[in-house]
Amino acid sequence: MIKKIDGVLDRVMEPESNLSIAQLGLVKKLRYVENKKTLYIFTRDPTAPPACCTIIAKLLQTTLSEKLIQEFQIEFPDLTIEFV
């Protein structure tokens, strides 16, 4: 399971910097709850961007979250994936 998780974090790229989620350290921790078959993703809260960039930052965060969910669902089709 750890190798699959590491693979997902290495595959999902932030489009502006072309760095992986793992390289950027955007995921703080993951928690697997076996009886619920759920993988919880805890992300780092980036420092607040200037007001002019808030919309762009939110769109980028949403895109990365969607990509992470897609990749985790490919690797772990039997699990529910949730952001915390």
Protein backbone atom coordinates (compact mmCIF):
# COMPACT_ATOMS: atom_id res chain seq x y z
CA MET A 1 0.00 0.00 0.00
CA ILE A 2 2.82 2.42 0.83
CA LYS A 3 4.43 1.95 -2.60
CA LYS A 4 1.12 2.67 -4.33
CA ILE A 5 0.58 5.81 -2.23
CA ASP A 6 4.10 7.03 -2.98
CA GLY A 7 3.48 6.34 -6.67
CA VAL A 8 0.32 8.45 -6.71
CA LEU A 9 2.04 11.35 -4.92
CA ASP A 10 4.90 11.15 -7.43
CA ARG A 11 2.59 11.00 -10.49
CA VAL A 12 0.28 13.93 -9.73
CA MET A 13 2.03 17.06 -10.96
CA GLU A 14 1.38 20.69 -10.12
CA PRO A 15 1.05 22.23 -13.61
CA GLU A 16 2.74 25.58 -12.97
CA SER A 17 5.97 24.25 -11.46
CA ASN A 18 5.83 20.77 -13.03
CA LEU A 19 6.76 19.35 -9.63
CA SER A 20 4.98 16.40 -8.06
CA ILE A 21 2.73 16.60 -5.03
CA ALA A 22 5.43 14.63 -3.18
CA GLN A 23 8.16 17.12 -4.13
CA LEU A 24 6.02 20.06 -3.05
CA GLY A 25 5.01 18.41 0.22
CA LEU A 26 1.35 19.33 -0.23
CA VAL A 27 0.05 16.19 1.50
CA LYS A 28 0.72 16.34 5.23
CA LYS A 29 -0.43 12.81 6.03
CA LEU A 30 -2.73 10.00 4.98
CA ARG A 31 -4.88 7.86 7.24
CA TYR A 32 -6.40 4.53 6.25
CA VAL A 33 -9.42 3.37 8.26
CA GLU A 34 -9.78 -0.31 7.44
CA ASN A 35 -13.29 -0.91 8.84
CA LYS A 36 -14.62 2.02 6.77
CA LYS A 37 -12.43 1.24 3.74
CA THR A 38 -11.58 4.93 3.59
CA LEU A 39 -8.33 6.73 2.86
CA TYR A 40 -8.25 10.22 4.35
CA ILE A 41 -5.92 12.81 2.81
CA PHE A 42 -4.68 15.64 5.02
CA THR A 43 -3.19 18.51 3.01
CA ARG A 44 -0.94 21.31 4.09
CA ASP A 45 -2.63 24.67 4.33
CA PRO A 46 -0.55 26.95 2.12
CA THR A 47 -0.02 30.51 3.27
CA ALA A 48 -2.81 32.78 2.19
CA PRO A 49 -2.17 34.22 -1.25
CA PRO A 50 -2.78 37.90 -2.02
CA ALA A 51 -6.43 38.71 -2.71
CA CYS A 52 -5.83 38.96 -6.46
CA CYS A 53 -4.53 35.38 -6.55
CA THR A 54 -7.13 33.70 -4.33
CA ILE A 55 -9.34 32.56 -7.21
CA ILE A 56 -6.41 31.15 -9.17
CA ALA A 57 -5.04 29.40 -6.07
CA LYS A 58 -8.45 27.83 -5.32
CA LEU A 59 -8.84 26.62 -8.92
CA LEU A 60 -5.37 25.10 -8.82
CA GLN A 61 -6.08 23.44 -5.47
CA THR A 62 -9.36 22.01 -6.81
CA THR A 63 -7.62 20.65 -9.91
CA LEU A 64 -4.89 19.00 -7.87
CA SER A 65 -7.44 17.53 -5.45
CA GLU A 66 -9.42 16.05 -8.34
CA LYS A 67 -6.26 14.55 -9.86
CA LEU A 68 -5.25 13.04 -6.51
CA ILE A 69 -8.68 11.47 -6.05
CA GLN A 70 -8.62 10.04 -9.58
CA GLU A 71 -5.16 8.51 -9.12
CA PHE A 72 -5.97 7.10 -5.67
CA GLN A 73 -9.18 5.57 -7.04
CA ILE A 74 -7.18 3.88 -9.80
CA GLU A 75 -4.75 2.39 -7.26
CA PHE A 76 -7.36 1.64 -4.58
CA PRO A 77 -10.70 1.04 -6.35
CA ASP A 78 -12.32 -0.51 -3.25
CA LEU A 79 -11.65 2.50 -1.01
CA THR A 80 -13.43 5.78 -0.45
CA ILE A 81 -11.05 8.73 -0.82
CA GLU A 82 -11.75 11.84 1.28
CA PHE A 83 -9.94 15.11 1.96
CA VAL A 84 -9.83 16.30 5.55
